[in-house]
Amino acid sequence: MKQQGAVVWFSGFSGAGKSTIAEALTEKLKSEGYQLEVLDGDEVRENLTKDLGFSKEDRDTNLRRIGFVAKLLARNGVIVLAPVISPYRAIREEMRANIDNFVEVFVNAPISVCEERDVKGLYKKVRAGEIKQFTGISDPYEPPTNPEVECRTDLEEISESADKIFKKIKELGYIS
């Protein structure tokens, strides 16, 4: 097999570019014949964790479920891309401790840039008072202290970010 299972965990604000980078990386990995799965935070929320809200406890439970599925896939040789906000450092560290071959990617863009992008219209709803407990506005985001990769989506192209991650998982020996 020319790959090992690994979990690439993307963390950052809504609108920072996590899913967009994951899509670009998916194309790159698939074009080279690697097996992968994407556990997108929004998609998981619509299915696996639709019973959960956005309290800290529910967010942690959401991430533990994603982490559990990611771990199962990775131990069977699949590269898992998990673009999820994951605002709390402690739960990300828990995932790192529980998942072999864990690669943390900090998708870093200032909140002002994310709000300008407002891809899903969420920031507009937050500012109108329609959404409470929103990461970066009314709920905290604790940036990673030592991620394997940092992507500055306000300063680099999506392809550059995807290439950095690809190079890192290759350097770590998860792909050849």
N, C-alpha and C. Protein backbone atom coordinates (compact mmCIF):
# COMPACT_ATOMS: atom_id res chain seq x y z
N MET A 1 0.84 -1.18 0.00
CA MET A 1 0.00 0.00 0.00
C MET A 1 0.89 1.24 0.00
N LYS A 2 0.55 2.22 -0.81
CA LYS A 2 1.39 3.41 -0.87
C LYS A 2 0.93 4.51 0.06
N GLN A 3 0.08 4.15 1.03
CA GLN A 3 -0.37 5.13 2.02
C GLN A 3 -0.61 4.45 3.35
N GLN A 4 -0.54 5.24 4.41
CA GLN A 4 -0.94 4.82 5.74
C GLN A 4 -2.18 5.63 6.09
N GLY A 5 -3.00 5.09 6.96
CA GLY A 5 -4.13 5.88 7.42
C GLY A 5 -3.64 7.06 8.23
N ALA A 6 -4.31 8.17 8.07
CA ALA A 6 -3.98 9.38 8.81
C ALA A 6 -5.22 10.25 8.91
N VAL A 7 -5.24 11.11 9.92
CA VAL A 7 -6.33 12.06 10.08
C VAL A 7 -5.75 13.46 9.97
N VAL A 8 -6.21 14.18 8.95
CA VAL A 8 -5.81 15.58 8.76
C VAL A 8 -6.96 16.42 9.29
N TRP A 9 -6.73 17.06 10.42
CA TRP A 9 -7.76 17.78 11.17
C TRP A 9 -7.60 19.28 10.93
N PHE A 10 -8.52 19.86 10.17
CA PHE A 10 -8.48 21.28 9.84
C PHE A 10 -9.28 22.06 10.89
N SER A 11 -8.67 23.07 11.48
CA SER A 11 -9.34 23.88 12.49
C SER A 11 -9.23 25.35 12.10
N GLY A 12 -10.29 26.10 12.37
CA GLY A 12 -10.27 27.54 12.08
C GLY A 12 -11.68 28.09 12.07
N PHE A 13 -11.78 29.40 11.95
CA PHE A 13 -13.08 30.08 11.94
C PHE A 13 -13.95 29.61 10.78
N SER A 14 -15.25 29.81 10.91
CA SER A 14 -16.16 29.65 9.79
C SER A 14 -15.74 30.64 8.71
N GLY A 15 -15.60 30.17 7.49
CA GLY A 15 -15.19 31.04 6.39
C GLY A 15 -13.69 31.17 6.21
N ALA A 16 -12.91 30.49 7.04
CA ALA A 16 -11.45 30.58 6.92
C ALA A 16 -10.93 29.84 5.69
N GLY A 17 -11.68 28.82 5.23
CA GLY A 17 -11.26 28.07 4.06
C GLY A 17 -10.99 26.60 4.29
N LYS A 18 -11.43 26.07 5.42
CA LYS A 18 -11.17 24.67 5.75
C LYS A 18 -11.71 23.71 4.69
N SER A 19 -12.97 23.84 4.38
CA SER A 19 -13.60 22.94 3.40
C SER A 19 -13.04 23.16 2.00
N THR A 20 -12.76 24.39 1.66
CA THR A 20 -12.22 24.70 0.34
C THR A 20 -10.83 24.07 0.16
N ILE A 21 -10.00 24.17 1.18
CA ILE A 21 -8.68 23.54 1.12
C ILE A 21 -8.83 22.02 1.09
N ALA A 22 -9.74 21.49 1.90
CA ALA A 22 -9.96 20.04 1.91
C ALA A 22 -10.39 19.55 0.53
N GLU A 23 -11.24 20.32 -0.17
CA GLU A 23 -11.66 19.95 -1.53
C GLU A 23 -10.47 19.94 -2.48
N ALA A 24 -9.61 20.95 -2.40
CA ALA A 24 -8.43 21.01 -3.26
C ALA A 24 -7.48 19.86 -2.95
N LEU A 25 -7.30 19.56 -1.68
CA LEU A 25 -6.43 18.46 -1.28
C LEU A 25 -7.02 17.12 -1.71
N THR A 26 -8.34 17.00 -1.63
CA THR A 26 -9.03 15.78 -2.08
C THR A 26 -8.72 15.52 -3.55
N GLU A 27 -8.86 16.54 -4.38
CA GLU A 27 -8.56 16.39 -5.81
C GLU A 27 -7.13 15.95 -6.04
N LYS A 28 -6.20 16.57 -5.32
CA LYS A 28 -4.78 16.24 -5.46
C LYS A 28 -4.51 14.79 -5.04
N LEU A 29 -5.04 14.39 -3.91
CA LEU A 29 -4.82 13.02 -3.41
C LEU A 29 -5.47 11.99 -4.33
N LYS A 30 -6.71 12.24 -4.74
CA LYS A 30 -7.40 11.29 -5.63
C LYS A 30 -6.70 11.16 -6.97
N SER A 31 -6.18 12.28 -7.49
CA SER A 31 -5.51 12.23 -8.79
C SER A 31 -4.24 11.37 -8.73
N GLU A 32 -3.71 11.19 -7.53
CA GLU A 32 -2.51 10.37 -7.37
C GLU A 32 -2.85 8.98 -6.84
N GLY A 33 -4.14 8.65 -6.77
CA GLY A 33 -4.57 7.31 -6.42
C GLY A 33 -4.70 6.98 -4.95
N TYR A 34 -4.72 7.97 -4.10
CA TYR A 34 -4.85 7.72 -2.66
C TYR A 34 -6.32 7.56 -2.27
N GLN A 35 -6.54 6.69 -1.28
CA GLN A 35 -7.90 6.48 -0.76
C GLN A 35 -8.12 7.45 0.40
N LEU A 36 -9.25 8.15 0.33
CA LEU A 36 -9.52 9.11 1.39
C LEU A 36 -11.01 9.27 1.61
N GLU A 37 -11.31 9.90 2.71
CA GLU A 37 -12.68 10.24 3.06
C GLU A 37 -12.67 11.62 3.68
N VAL A 38 -13.70 12.41 3.40
CA VAL A 38 -13.83 13.74 3.99
C VAL A 38 -14.98 13.71 4.99
N LEU A 39 -14.70 14.11 6.21
CA LEU A 39 -15.73 14.24 7.24
C LEU A 39 -15.94 15.72 7.48
N ASP A 40 -16.68 16.36 6.58
CA ASP A 40 -16.93 17.79 6.66
C ASP A 40 -17.86 18.10 7.82
N GLY A 41 -17.49 19.12 8.59
CA GLY A 41 -18.26 19.48 9.77
C GLY A 41 -19.73 19.75 9.49
N ASP A 42 -20.02 20.47 8.42
CA ASP A 42 -21.42 20.78 8.09
C ASP A 42 -22.19 19.51 7.72
N GLU A 43 -21.58 18.65 6.93
CA GLU A 43 -22.24 17.42 6.51
C GLU A 43 -22.48 16.49 7.70
N VAL A 44 -21.49 16.41 8.59
CA VAL A 44 -21.65 15.57 9.78
C VAL A 44 -22.78 16.11 10.66
N ARG A 45 -22.88 17.44 10.79
CA ARG A 45 -23.93 18.06 11.58
C ARG A 45 -25.32 17.74 11.04
N GLU A 46 -25.44 17.55 9.73
CA GLU A 46 -26.73 17.25 9.12
C GLU A 46 -27.12 15.78 9.28
N ASN A 47 -26.17 14.95 9.65
CA ASN A 47 -26.43 13.51 9.71
C ASN A 47 -26.06 12.90 11.05
N LEU A 48 -24.80 12.66 11.28
CA LEU A 48 -24.32 11.94 12.45
C LEU A 48 -24.59 12.67 13.77
N THR A 49 -24.58 13.99 13.74
CA THR A 49 -24.71 14.73 15.00
C THR A 49 -25.86 15.75 14.96
N LYS A 50 -26.90 15.45 14.20
CA LYS A 50 -28.02 16.39 14.10
C LYS A 50 -28.77 16.56 15.41
N ASP A 51 -28.54 15.67 16.37
CA ASP A 51 -29.19 15.76 17.67
C ASP A 51 -28.49 16.75 18.61
N LEU A 52 -27.38 17.33 18.17
CA LEU A 52 -26.59 18.19 19.04
C LEU A 52 -26.78 19.67 18.73
N GLY A 53 -26.63 20.48 19.76
CA GLY A 53 -26.68 21.94 19.60
C GLY A 53 -25.27 22.50 19.53
N PHE A 54 -25.09 23.73 20.04
CA PHE A 54 -23.81 24.40 19.94
C PHE A 54 -23.23 24.82 21.28
N SER A 55 -23.72 24.20 22.36
CA SER A 55 -23.09 24.44 23.66
C SER A 55 -21.70 23.83 23.63
N LYS A 56 -20.86 24.18 24.58
CA LYS A 56 -19.51 23.61 24.61
C LYS A 56 -19.57 22.09 24.70
N GLU A 57 -20.46 21.58 25.54
CA GLU A 57 -20.59 20.13 25.70
C GLU A 57 -21.02 19.46 24.40
N ASP A 58 -21.98 20.06 23.70
CA ASP A 58 -22.44 19.49 22.43
C ASP A 58 -21.36 19.58 21.36
N ARG A 59 -20.63 20.68 21.34
CA ARG A 59 -19.53 20.80 20.37
C ARG A 59 -18.47 19.74 20.62
N ASP A 60 -18.14 19.53 21.90
CA ASP A 60 -17.15 18.50 22.23
C ASP A 60 -17.64 17.11 21.82
N THR A 61 -18.91 16.82 22.07
CA THR A 61 -19.49 15.54 21.68
C THR A 61 -19.45 15.38 20.16
N ASN A 62 -19.79 16.42 19.45
CA ASN A 62 -19.72 16.43 17.98
C ASN A 62 -18.31 16.04 17.51
N LEU A 63 -17.31 16.67 18.10
CA LEU A 63 -15.93 16.40 17.68
C LEU A 63 -15.47 15.00 18.09
N ARG A 64 -15.94 14.54 19.24
CA ARG A 64 -15.59 13.17 19.64
C ARG A 64 -16.17 12.15 18.67
N ARG A 65 -17.39 12.39 18.19
CA ARG A 65 -17.99 11.48 17.21
C ARG A 65 -17.22 11.51 15.90
N ILE A 66 -16.87 12.71 15.44
CA ILE A 66 -16.07 12.82 14.22
C ILE A 66 -14.73 12.13 14.42
N GLY A 67 -14.11 12.36 15.56
CA GLY A 67 -12.83 11.73 15.86
C GLY A 67 -12.91 10.21 15.88
N PHE A 68 -14.00 9.68 16.44
CA PHE A 68 -14.18 8.23 16.49
C PHE A 68 -14.27 7.64 15.09
N VAL A 69 -15.09 8.23 14.24
CA VAL A 69 -15.23 7.75 12.87
C VAL A 69 -13.90 7.90 12.12
N ALA A 70 -13.24 9.03 12.30
CA ALA A 70 -11.96 9.27 11.63
C ALA A 70 -10.93 8.22 12.06
N LYS A 71 -10.90 7.91 13.34
CA LYS A 71 -9.96 6.91 13.86
C LYS A 71 -10.22 5.54 13.24
N LEU A 72 -11.50 5.14 13.14
CA LEU A 72 -11.84 3.86 12.53
C LEU A 72 -11.36 3.79 11.08
N LEU A 73 -11.62 4.85 10.34
CA LEU A 73 -11.21 4.87 8.94
C LEU A 73 -9.69 4.85 8.82
N ALA A 74 -9.01 5.67 9.61
CA ALA A 74 -7.55 5.77 9.52
C ALA A 74 -6.87 4.46 9.88
N ARG A 75 -7.39 3.76 10.87
CA ARG A 75 -6.73 2.50 11.24
C ARG A 75 -6.92 1.42 10.17
N ASN A 76 -7.81 1.71 9.21
CA ASN A 76 -8.00 0.81 8.07
C ASN A 76 -7.36 1.37 6.80
N GLY A 77 -6.39 2.26 6.97
CA GLY A 77 -5.58 2.72 5.86
C GLY A 77 -6.11 3.90 5.07
N VAL A 78 -7.21 4.50 5.53
CA VAL A 78 -7.81 5.62 4.80
C VAL A 78 -7.22 6.94 5.32
N ILE A 79 -6.97 7.87 4.40
CA ILE A 79 -6.61 9.22 4.79
C ILE A 79 -7.92 9.98 5.00
N VAL A 80 -8.08 10.53 6.18
CA VAL A 80 -9.31 11.23 6.53
C VAL A 80 -9.03 12.72 6.62
N LEU A 81 -9.81 13.50 5.90
CA LEU A 81 -9.74 14.95 5.99
C LEU A 81 -10.95 15.41 6.80
N ALA A 82 -10.69 16.13 7.89
CA ALA A 82 -11.77 16.56 8.78
C ALA A 82 -11.76 18.08 8.92
N PRO A 83 -12.44 18.79 7.99
CA PRO A 83 -12.54 20.24 8.12
C PRO A 83 -13.66 20.62 9.08
N VAL A 84 -13.28 20.91 10.32
CA VAL A 84 -14.24 21.20 11.38
C VAL A 84 -13.72 22.40 12.19
N ILE A 85 -14.60 23.28 12.60
CA ILE A 85 -14.15 24.48 13.32
C ILE A 85 -13.33 24.11 14.54
N SER A 86 -13.80 23.18 15.34
CA SER A 86 -13.15 22.71 16.57
C SER A 86 -12.48 23.85 17.35
N PRO A 87 -13.30 24.68 17.99
CA PRO A 87 -12.78 25.90 18.61
C PRO A 87 -11.96 25.72 19.88
N TYR A 88 -12.10 24.58 20.55
CA TYR A 88 -11.46 24.43 21.86
C TYR A 88 -10.21 23.57 21.77
N ARG A 89 -9.11 24.11 22.27
CA ARG A 89 -7.81 23.45 22.23
C ARG A 89 -7.83 22.09 22.92
N ALA A 90 -8.50 22.00 24.06
CA ALA A 90 -8.49 20.75 24.84
C ALA A 90 -9.07 19.58 24.05
N ILE A 91 -10.15 19.80 23.31
CA ILE A 91 -10.75 18.69 22.56
C ILE A 91 -9.86 18.31 21.37
N ARG A 92 -9.19 19.29 20.77
CA ARG A 92 -8.25 18.95 19.69
C ARG A 92 -7.08 18.14 20.24
N GLU A 93 -6.62 18.49 21.42
CA GLU A 93 -5.53 17.73 22.04
C GLU A 93 -6.00 16.32 22.41
N GLU A 94 -7.25 16.20 22.82
CA GLU A 94 -7.82 14.88 23.10
C GLU A 94 -7.83 14.03 21.82
N MET A 95 -8.22 14.64 20.71
CA MET A 95 -8.22 13.92 19.43
C MET A 95 -6.80 13.49 19.07
N ARG A 96 -5.85 14.38 19.25
CA ARG A 96 -4.45 14.06 18.96
C ARG A 96 -3.98 12.87 19.80
N ALA A 97 -4.35 12.85 21.07
CA ALA A 97 -3.94 11.77 21.97
C ALA A 97 -4.60 10.44 21.62
N ASN A 98 -5.82 10.49 21.06
CA ASN A 98 -6.58 9.27 20.78
C ASN A 98 -6.43 8.72 19.37
N ILE A 99 -5.89 9.54 18.46
CA ILE A 99 -5.82 9.14 17.06
C ILE A 99 -4.36 9.06 16.62
N ASP A 100 -3.96 7.88 16.16
CA ASP A 100 -2.62 7.74 15.60
C ASP A 100 -2.56 8.52 14.29
N ASN A 101 -1.39 8.98 13.93
CA ASN A 101 -1.17 9.68 12.65
C ASN A 101 -2.09 10.89 12.50
N PHE A 102 -2.15 11.70 13.54
CA PHE A 102 -2.98 12.91 13.59
C PHE A 102 -2.17 14.09 13.09
N VAL A 103 -2.72 14.83 12.14
CA VAL A 103 -2.05 16.00 11.58
C VAL A 103 -2.98 17.20 11.76
N GLU A 104 -2.56 18.15 12.58
CA GLU A 104 -3.39 19.32 12.82
C GLU A 104 -3.01 20.43 11.83
N VAL A 105 -4.04 20.96 11.17
CA VAL A 105 -3.86 22.05 10.22
C VAL A 105 -4.66 23.25 10.74
N PHE A 106 -3.95 24.34 11.01
CA PHE A 106 -4.60 25.57 11.44
C PHE A 106 -4.87 26.41 10.21
N VAL A 107 -6.15 26.51 9.85
CA VAL A 107 -6.55 27.34 8.71
C VAL A 107 -6.82 28.73 9.29
N ASN A 108 -5.83 29.58 9.12
CA ASN A 108 -5.78 30.85 9.81
C ASN A 108 -6.13 32.01 8.88
N ALA A 109 -7.19 32.68 9.21
CA ALA A 109 -7.57 33.93 8.55
C ALA A 109 -8.20 34.81 9.61
N PRO A 110 -7.90 36.09 9.59
CA PRO A 110 -8.51 36.99 10.59
C PRO A 110 -10.04 36.93 10.50
N ILE A 111 -10.68 37.09 11.65
CA ILE A 111 -12.14 37.04 11.69
C ILE A 111 -12.74 38.08 10.74
N SER A 112 -12.09 39.21 10.58
CA SER A 112 -12.61 40.25 9.67
C SER A 112 -12.65 39.75 8.23
N VAL A 113 -11.65 38.96 7.83
CA VAL A 113 -11.62 38.40 6.47
C VAL A 113 -12.72 37.35 6.33
N CYS A 114 -12.87 36.51 7.34
CA CYS A 114 -13.92 35.48 7.31
C CYS A 114 -15.30 36.14 7.23
N GLU A 115 -15.47 37.20 7.97
CA GLU A 115 -16.76 37.89 7.96
C GLU A 115 -17.01 38.55 6.60
N GLU A 116 -15.98 39.07 5.96
CA GLU A 116 -16.13 39.64 4.61
C GLU A 116 -16.54 38.55 3.61
N ARG A 117 -15.95 37.38 3.76
CA ARG A 117 -16.29 36.27 2.85
C ARG A 117 -17.72 35.81 3.09
N ASP A 118 -18.08 35.62 4.35
CA ASP A 118 -19.41 35.18 4.79
C ASP A 118 -20.08 34.22 3.81
N VAL A 119 -19.35 33.19 3.48
CA VAL A 119 -19.75 32.21 2.48
C VAL A 119 -21.16 31.66 2.72
N LYS A 120 -21.51 31.40 3.97
CA LYS A 120 -22.79 30.79 4.30
C LYS A 120 -23.81 31.79 4.84
N GLY A 121 -23.44 33.06 4.91
CA GLY A 121 -24.35 34.07 5.45
C GLY A 121 -24.50 34.01 6.96
N LEU A 122 -23.59 33.30 7.62
CA LEU A 122 -23.72 33.13 9.07
C LEU A 122 -23.36 34.38 9.86
N TYR A 123 -22.31 35.07 9.42
CA TYR A 123 -21.91 36.28 10.15
C TYR A 123 -23.03 37.33 10.11
N LYS A 124 -23.70 37.43 8.98
CA LYS A 124 -24.83 38.36 8.86
C LYS A 124 -25.91 38.00 9.88
N LYS A 125 -26.18 36.70 10.01
CA LYS A 125 -27.19 36.25 10.98
C LYS A 125 -26.73 36.51 12.41
N VAL A 126 -25.44 36.34 12.68
CA VAL A 126 -24.91 36.60 14.02
C VAL A 126 -25.10 38.07 14.35
N ARG A 127 -24.72 38.94 13.42
CA ARG A 127 -24.82 40.39 13.64
C ARG A 127 -26.27 40.84 13.79
N ALA A 128 -27.20 40.07 13.21
CA ALA A 128 -28.63 40.39 13.33
C ALA A 128 -29.23 39.76 14.59
N GLY A 129 -28.41 39.04 15.37
CA GLY A 129 -28.89 38.43 16.60
C GLY A 129 -29.63 37.12 16.41
N GLU A 130 -29.56 36.55 15.21
CA GLU A 130 -30.27 35.31 14.91
C GLU A 130 -29.51 34.06 15.34
N ILE A 131 -28.20 34.19 15.53
CA ILE A 131 -27.38 33.05 15.96
C ILE A 131 -26.62 33.46 17.22
N LYS A 132 -26.70 32.61 18.23
CA LYS A 132 -25.96 32.83 19.48
C LYS A 132 -24.79 31.84 19.51
N GLN A 133 -23.85 32.06 20.40
CA GLN A 133 -22.70 31.16 20.58
C GLN A 133 -21.99 30.89 19.26
N PHE A 134 -21.53 31.93 18.61
CA PHE A 134 -20.86 31.78 17.32
C PHE A 134 -19.36 31.97 17.51
N THR A 135 -18.60 31.00 17.09
CA THR A 135 -17.15 31.00 17.26
C THR A 135 -16.51 32.25 16.66
N GLY A 136 -15.71 32.90 17.48
CA GLY A 136 -14.97 34.08 17.05
C GLY A 136 -15.70 35.38 17.29
N ILE A 137 -17.02 35.31 17.52
CA ILE A 137 -17.81 36.52 17.78
C ILE A 137 -18.31 36.49 19.22
N SER A 138 -19.17 35.53 19.54
CA SER A 138 -19.73 35.45 20.88
C SER A 138 -19.30 34.19 21.63
N ASP A 139 -18.45 33.40 21.01
CA ASP A 139 -17.91 32.19 21.61
C ASP A 139 -16.42 32.15 21.27
N PRO A 140 -15.59 31.64 22.17
CA PRO A 140 -14.15 31.71 21.94
C PRO A 140 -13.64 30.74 20.86
N TYR A 141 -12.49 31.09 20.31
CA TYR A 141 -11.71 30.18 19.48
C TYR A 141 -10.30 30.19 20.04
N GLU A 142 -9.80 29.01 20.39
CA GLU A 142 -8.46 28.88 20.94
C GLU A 142 -7.54 28.33 19.84
N PRO A 143 -6.69 29.19 19.27
CA PRO A 143 -5.84 28.75 18.16
C PRO A 143 -4.89 27.62 18.59
N PRO A 144 -4.55 26.74 17.67
CA PRO A 144 -3.58 25.69 17.98
C PRO A 144 -2.24 26.30 18.39
N THR A 145 -1.56 25.65 19.31
CA THR A 145 -0.27 26.15 19.76
C THR A 145 0.89 25.61 18.92
N ASN A 146 0.72 24.43 18.35
CA ASN A 146 1.81 23.84 17.58
C ASN A 146 1.27 22.93 16.46
N PRO A 147 0.53 23.50 15.51
CA PRO A 147 -0.01 22.66 14.43
C PRO A 147 1.11 22.18 13.50
N GLU A 148 0.88 21.06 12.86
CA GLU A 148 1.87 20.58 11.88
C GLU A 148 1.92 21.50 10.66
N VAL A 149 0.78 22.11 10.32
CA VAL A 149 0.71 23.01 9.17
C VAL A 149 -0.17 24.21 9.54
N GLU A 150 0.25 25.40 9.12
CA GLU A 150 -0.59 26.58 9.22
C GLU A 150 -0.81 27.14 7.83
N CYS A 151 -2.06 27.32 7.47
CA CYS A 151 -2.43 27.89 6.18
C CYS A 151 -3.01 29.28 6.43
N ARG A 152 -2.38 30.29 5.89
CA ARG A 152 -2.86 31.67 6.01
C ARG A 152 -3.66 32.00 4.76
N THR A 153 -4.96 31.76 4.83
CA THR A 153 -5.79 31.90 3.62
C THR A 153 -6.03 33.35 3.23
N ASP A 154 -5.64 34.28 4.07
CA ASP A 154 -5.72 35.68 3.68
C ASP A 154 -4.46 36.10 2.91
N LEU A 155 -3.43 35.26 2.94
CA LEU A 155 -2.15 35.59 2.32
C LEU A 155 -1.70 34.62 1.23
N GLU A 156 -2.31 33.44 1.15
CA GLU A 156 -1.88 32.45 0.17
C GLU A 156 -3.07 31.90 -0.60
N GLU A 157 -2.78 31.37 -1.76
CA GLU A 157 -3.80 30.76 -2.61
C GLU A 157 -4.20 29.40 -2.04
N ILE A 158 -5.40 28.96 -2.36
CA ILE A 158 -5.88 27.65 -1.90
C ILE A 158 -4.92 26.55 -2.34
N SER A 159 -4.44 26.62 -3.58
CA SER A 159 -3.52 25.60 -4.09
C SER A 159 -2.23 25.55 -3.26
N GLU A 160 -1.75 26.71 -2.81
CA GLU A 160 -0.55 26.74 -1.96
C GLU A 160 -0.81 26.03 -0.64
N SER A 161 -1.98 26.30 -0.05
CA SER A 161 -2.34 25.66 1.22
C SER A 161 -2.43 24.15 1.04
N ALA A 162 -3.13 23.70 -0.01
CA ALA A 162 -3.27 22.26 -0.26
C ALA A 162 -1.90 21.62 -0.49
N ASP A 163 -1.03 22.29 -1.23
CA ASP A 163 0.32 21.77 -1.48
C ASP A 163 1.12 21.64 -0.19
N LYS A 164 1.01 22.62 0.72
CA LYS A 164 1.73 22.55 2.00
C LYS A 164 1.29 21.32 2.80
N ILE A 165 -0.01 21.07 2.82
CA ILE A 165 -0.52 19.93 3.58
C ILE A 165 -0.07 18.63 2.92
N PHE A 166 -0.18 18.56 1.60
CA PHE A 166 0.26 17.37 0.85
C PHE A 166 1.72 17.07 1.17
N LYS A 167 2.57 18.09 1.11
CA LYS A 167 4.00 17.90 1.39
C LYS A 167 4.22 17.42 2.82
N LYS A 168 3.45 17.95 3.77
CA LYS A 168 3.62 17.56 5.17
C LYS A 168 3.22 16.09 5.38
N ILE A 169 2.08 15.66 4.81
CA ILE A 169 1.69 14.26 5.03
C ILE A 169 2.64 13.31 4.30
N LYS A 170 3.25 13.79 3.24
CA LYS A 170 4.28 12.99 2.56
C LYS A 170 5.55 12.93 3.42
N GLU A 171 5.97 14.08 3.95
CA GLU A 171 7.14 14.16 4.82
C GLU A 171 6.97 13.26 6.05
N LEU A 172 5.75 13.18 6.57
CA LEU A 172 5.47 12.35 7.75
C LEU A 172 5.38 10.86 7.40
N GLY A 173 5.40 10.54 6.12
CA GLY A 173 5.40 9.13 5.69
C GLY A 173 4.03 8.52 5.53
N TYR A 174 2.96 9.31 5.54
CA TYR A 174 1.62 8.76 5.40
C TYR A 174 1.26 8.48 3.95
N ILE A 175 1.95 9.13 3.03
CA ILE A 175 1.82 8.84 1.60
C ILE A 175 3.23 8.75 1.02
N SER A 176 3.34 8.06 -0.11
CA SER A 176 4.68 7.93 -0.70
C SER A 176 4.76 8.67 -2.02
